[in-house]
N, C-alpha and C. Protein backbone atom coordinates (compact mmCIF):
# COMPACT_ATOMS: atom_id res chain seq x y z
N MET A 1 -20.91 -15.17 -25.39
CA MET A 1 -21.01 -14.75 -23.45
C MET A 1 -20.45 -13.16 -23.66
N GLY A 2 -21.09 -12.24 -22.77
CA GLY A 2 -21.00 -10.89 -22.69
C GLY A 2 -20.37 -10.57 -21.41
N THR A 3 -19.84 -9.11 -21.49
CA THR A 3 -19.17 -8.65 -20.56
C THR A 3 -19.99 -8.37 -19.64
N LYS A 4 -19.76 -8.08 -18.08
CA LYS A 4 -20.32 -7.63 -17.13
C LYS A 4 -19.40 -6.52 -16.54
N THR A 5 -20.07 -5.36 -16.47
CA THR A 5 -19.47 -4.08 -15.72
C THR A 5 -20.15 -3.91 -14.05
N THR A 6 -19.47 -3.61 -13.62
CA THR A 6 -20.11 -3.53 -12.00
C THR A 6 -19.41 -2.27 -11.51
N PRO A 7 -20.03 -1.03 -11.22
CA PRO A 7 -19.37 -0.09 -10.26
C PRO A 7 -18.69 -0.14 -9.35
N VAL A 8 -17.61 0.24 -9.06
CA VAL A 8 -17.08 -0.18 -7.62
C VAL A 8 -17.37 0.88 -6.79
N THR A 9 -17.88 0.16 -5.85
CA THR A 9 -18.28 0.76 -4.58
C THR A 9 -17.73 0.69 -3.24
N LYS A 10 -16.71 0.19 -3.27
CA LYS A 10 -15.64 -0.38 -2.12
C LYS A 10 -14.60 -0.53 -2.62
N ASN A 11 -13.60 -0.39 -1.81
CA ASN A 11 -11.90 -1.04 -2.29
C ASN A 11 -11.98 -2.73 -2.76
N VAL A 12 -11.20 -3.07 -3.66
CA VAL A 12 -11.72 -4.07 -4.39
C VAL A 12 -9.70 -4.59 -4.21
N VAL A 13 -9.53 -5.99 -4.12
CA VAL A 13 -8.27 -6.57 -4.53
C VAL A 13 -8.35 -7.48 -5.70
N LEU A 14 -7.78 -7.32 -6.95
CA LEU A 14 -7.81 -8.28 -8.04
C LEU A 14 -7.12 -9.27 -8.04
N ILE A 15 -7.53 -10.30 -8.94
CA ILE A 15 -6.72 -11.57 -9.12
C ILE A 15 -5.14 -11.47 -9.09
N ASN A 16 -4.66 -10.51 -9.73
CA ASN A 16 -3.23 -10.20 -10.07
C ASN A 16 -2.89 -9.25 -8.85
N GLY A 17 -3.55 -8.90 -7.56
CA GLY A 17 -2.88 -8.18 -6.55
C GLY A 17 -3.50 -6.50 -6.91
N THR A 18 -3.57 -6.26 -7.90
CA THR A 18 -4.19 -4.67 -8.15
C THR A 18 -5.03 -4.49 -7.33
N ARG A 19 -4.75 -3.57 -6.38
CA ARG A 19 -6.08 -2.96 -5.45
C ARG A 19 -6.51 -1.61 -5.90
N LEU A 20 -7.77 -1.93 -6.07
CA LEU A 20 -8.60 -0.64 -6.42
C LEU A 20 -9.07 0.26 -5.14
N ASP A 21 -8.84 1.40 -5.27
CA ASP A 21 -9.13 2.40 -4.14
C ASP A 21 -10.10 3.24 -4.21
N PHE A 22 -11.27 2.97 -3.87
CA PHE A 22 -12.52 3.58 -3.96
C PHE A 22 -12.67 5.18 -3.49
N GLN A 23 -12.00 5.49 -2.83
CA GLN A 23 -12.18 6.97 -2.01
C GLN A 23 -10.96 7.81 -2.82
N THR A 24 -9.99 6.92 -3.11
CA THR A 24 -8.95 7.97 -3.94
C THR A 24 -9.03 8.07 -5.77
N ARG A 25 -9.85 6.65 -5.88
CA ARG A 25 -10.00 6.27 -7.37
C ARG A 25 -8.81 6.06 -8.00
N THR A 26 -8.48 5.37 -7.26
CA THR A 26 -6.90 4.87 -8.19
C THR A 26 -6.41 3.49 -8.00
N ALA A 27 -5.81 2.86 -9.06
CA ALA A 27 -5.42 1.48 -9.05
C ALA A 27 -4.12 1.30 -8.50
N LEU A 28 -3.60 0.49 -7.71
CA LEU A 28 -2.27 0.47 -7.15
C LEU A 28 -1.75 -1.11 -7.32
N LEU A 29 -1.10 -0.82 -8.50
CA LEU A 29 -0.57 -2.04 -9.24
C LEU A 29 0.65 -2.83 -8.28
N PRO A 30 0.41 -4.14 -8.48
CA PRO A 30 1.69 -5.03 -7.80
C PRO A 30 3.06 -4.49 -7.84
N GLY A 31 3.25 -4.09 -9.16
CA GLY A 31 4.91 -3.20 -9.05
C GLY A 31 5.02 -2.37 -8.47
N GLY A 32 4.13 -1.86 -7.54
CA GLY A 32 4.30 0.06 -7.17
C GLY A 32 3.67 1.08 -7.62
N GLY A 33 3.37 0.44 -9.29
CA GLY A 33 2.81 1.78 -9.64
C GLY A 33 1.28 2.12 -9.43
N LYS A 34 1.00 3.23 -9.66
CA LYS A 34 -0.38 3.93 -9.49
C LYS A 34 -1.00 4.43 -10.96
N VAL A 35 -2.37 4.04 -10.89
CA VAL A 35 -3.15 4.88 -12.26
C VAL A 35 -4.37 5.23 -11.61
N GLU A 36 -4.36 6.35 -12.36
CA GLU A 36 -5.46 7.33 -11.53
C GLU A 36 -6.53 7.34 -12.35
N LEU A 37 -7.99 6.97 -11.89
CA LEU A 37 -9.04 6.19 -12.61
C LEU A 37 -9.89 7.26 -12.53
N HIS A 38 -10.96 7.40 -13.89
CA HIS A 38 -11.73 8.00 -14.32
C HIS A 38 -13.19 7.88 -14.50
N GLU A 39 -14.02 8.76 -14.55
CA GLU A 39 -15.28 8.34 -15.03
C GLU A 39 -15.23 7.14 -16.16
N GLY A 40 -15.94 6.24 -16.40
CA GLY A 40 -15.70 5.29 -17.57
C GLY A 40 -14.94 4.30 -17.50
N ASP A 41 -13.73 4.46 -17.00
CA ASP A 41 -12.48 3.62 -16.78
C ASP A 41 -13.08 2.22 -16.59
N MET A 42 -12.53 1.42 -17.19
CA MET A 42 -12.87 -0.12 -16.91
C MET A 42 -11.70 -0.74 -16.42
N VAL A 43 -11.58 -1.91 -15.70
CA VAL A 43 -10.20 -2.54 -14.86
C VAL A 43 -10.78 -3.96 -14.91
N THR A 44 -10.01 -4.61 -15.54
CA THR A 44 -10.55 -6.43 -15.65
C THR A 44 -9.99 -7.06 -14.54
N LEU A 45 -10.48 -8.07 -14.04
CA LEU A 45 -10.38 -8.99 -13.00
C LEU A 45 -8.65 -8.78 -12.97
N TYR A 46 -8.12 -8.89 -14.16
CA TYR A 46 -6.53 -9.21 -14.36
C TYR A 46 -5.59 -7.51 -13.98
N GLY A 47 -6.56 -6.95 -13.73
CA GLY A 47 -6.00 -5.61 -13.63
C GLY A 47 -5.29 -4.83 -14.57
N GLU A 48 -5.98 -4.99 -15.66
CA GLU A 48 -5.77 -4.08 -16.65
C GLU A 48 -6.67 -3.00 -16.97
N VAL A 49 -6.09 -2.16 -17.10
CA VAL A 49 -7.14 -0.51 -17.00
C VAL A 49 -7.34 -0.27 -18.56
N HIS A 50 -8.39 0.13 -18.70
CA HIS A 50 -9.00 0.46 -20.18
C HIS A 50 -9.55 1.82 -20.09
N GLN A 51 -8.89 2.95 -20.53
CA GLN A 51 -9.43 4.44 -20.11
C GLN A 51 -10.51 4.61 -21.19
N SER A 52 -11.59 5.38 -20.54
CA SER A 52 -12.88 5.69 -21.67
C SER A 52 -12.33 6.59 -22.40
N ALA A 53 -13.09 6.83 -23.56
CA ALA A 53 -12.76 7.91 -24.46
C ALA A 53 -12.48 9.47 -23.76
N GLU A 54 -13.70 9.19 -22.76
CA GLU A 54 -13.83 11.10 -22.24
C GLU A 54 -11.94 11.01 -21.37
N ALA A 55 -11.92 10.02 -20.67
CA ALA A 55 -10.17 10.16 -20.15
C ALA A 55 -9.45 10.39 -20.82
N LYS A 56 -9.32 9.93 -22.05
CA LYS A 56 -8.18 9.93 -22.91
C LYS A 56 -8.28 11.35 -23.07
N ALA A 57 -9.07 11.95 -23.67
CA ALA A 57 -9.43 13.06 -24.38
C ALA A 57 -9.56 14.43 -23.24
N ALA A 58 -9.40 13.59 -21.75
CA ALA A 58 -9.19 15.02 -20.77
C ALA A 58 -7.61 14.70 -20.62
N THR A 59 -6.79 13.84 -21.10
CA THR A 59 -5.28 13.80 -20.55
C THR A 59 -4.80 14.81 -21.76
N LYS A 60 -5.32 14.70 -22.78
CA LYS A 60 -5.02 15.83 -23.95
C LYS A 60 -5.44 17.52 -23.58
N ALA A 61 -6.67 17.46 -23.05
CA ALA A 61 -7.28 18.89 -22.86
C ALA A 61 -8.15 18.93 -22.00
N PRO A 62 -7.52 19.50 -20.76
CA PRO A 62 -8.24 19.63 -19.52
C PRO A 62 -10.23 19.58 -19.68
N ALA A 63 -10.98 19.38 -19.03
CA ALA A 63 -12.16 19.20 -19.22
C ALA A 63 -12.79 20.48 -18.37
N ALA A 64 -13.97 21.35 -18.81
CA ALA A 64 -14.56 22.13 -18.21
C ALA A 64 -15.03 21.46 -16.65
N PRO A 65 -14.67 21.98 -15.58
CA PRO A 65 -15.37 21.58 -14.22
C PRO A 65 -16.77 21.12 -14.64
N SER A 66 -17.04 20.12 -13.74
CA SER A 66 -18.67 19.45 -13.87
C SER A 66 -19.34 19.97 -12.68
N ALA A 67 -20.70 19.89 -12.69
CA ALA A 67 -21.33 20.43 -11.37
C ALA A 67 -21.98 19.21 -10.75
N SER A 68 -21.84 18.10 -11.11
CA SER A 68 -22.23 16.97 -10.29
C SER A 68 -21.27 16.29 -10.46
N ALA A 69 -21.48 15.26 -9.01
CA ALA A 69 -20.31 14.39 -8.88
C ALA A 69 -20.18 13.27 -9.69
N PRO A 70 -18.78 13.04 -9.70
CA PRO A 70 -18.30 11.84 -10.77
C PRO A 70 -18.90 10.80 -10.77
N ALA A 71 -19.11 9.72 -11.60
CA ALA A 71 -19.55 8.54 -11.19
C ALA A 71 -18.28 7.55 -11.10
N ALA A 72 -18.45 6.59 -10.46
CA ALA A 72 -17.50 5.42 -10.08
C ALA A 72 -16.98 4.91 -10.96
N PRO A 73 -15.44 4.20 -11.38
CA PRO A 73 -14.99 3.76 -12.34
C PRO A 73 -15.40 2.11 -12.32
N THR A 74 -15.54 1.23 -13.14
CA THR A 74 -16.08 0.03 -13.10
C THR A 74 -14.72 -0.93 -13.34
N ALA A 75 -15.40 -2.12 -12.72
CA ALA A 75 -14.51 -3.41 -12.60
C ALA A 75 -15.27 -4.26 -13.76
N SER A 76 -14.45 -5.00 -14.84
CA SER A 76 -15.01 -5.67 -15.60
C SER A 76 -15.29 -6.98 -15.15
N ALA A 77 -16.14 -7.97 -14.99
CA ALA A 77 -16.21 -9.27 -14.75
C ALA A 77 -15.65 -10.37 -15.32
N ALA A 78 -15.46 -9.66 -16.63
CA ALA A 78 -14.79 -11.12 -17.49
C ALA A 78 -13.64 -10.41 -18.39
N PRO A 79 -12.64 -11.20 -17.63
CA PRO A 79 -11.29 -10.44 -18.47
C PRO A 79 -11.21 -10.53 -19.86
N THR A 80 -10.32 -9.78 -20.73
CA THR A 80 -10.18 -9.76 -21.78
C THR A 80 -8.95 -10.40 -22.55
N ALA A 81 -8.02 -10.42 -21.34
CA ALA A 81 -6.80 -11.08 -21.69
C ALA A 81 -5.75 -11.33 -20.50
N ALA A 82 -4.73 -11.94 -20.68
CA ALA A 82 -4.12 -12.26 -19.20
C ALA A 82 -3.30 -11.13 -19.37
N PRO A 83 -2.37 -10.39 -18.09
CA PRO A 83 -1.70 -9.88 -18.14
C PRO A 83 -0.01 -10.27 -18.45
N ALA A 84 0.57 -9.61 -19.34
CA ALA A 84 1.84 -9.88 -19.50
C ALA A 84 2.90 -9.97 -18.46
N LEU A 85 3.42 -11.19 -18.37
CA LEU A 85 4.54 -11.24 -17.16
C LEU A 85 5.86 -10.59 -17.51
């Protein structure tokens, strides 16, 4: 069974209470934490954030500004593992 990804085009509340804010491109975690999402990042239905290779590289060295609008982060329809409690 494959994993299906869907671009986020509106605010979404996930199974564990994580809120994906489409306008600010952030994941608001149930414990009060906040994760900035970047193009290519994936979030499982259980709120696990998986950074894209581009996002990981951007945290090491700032990328040159892009002339095009950034694409929306995606939400994964098939969870990979349950969150640690």
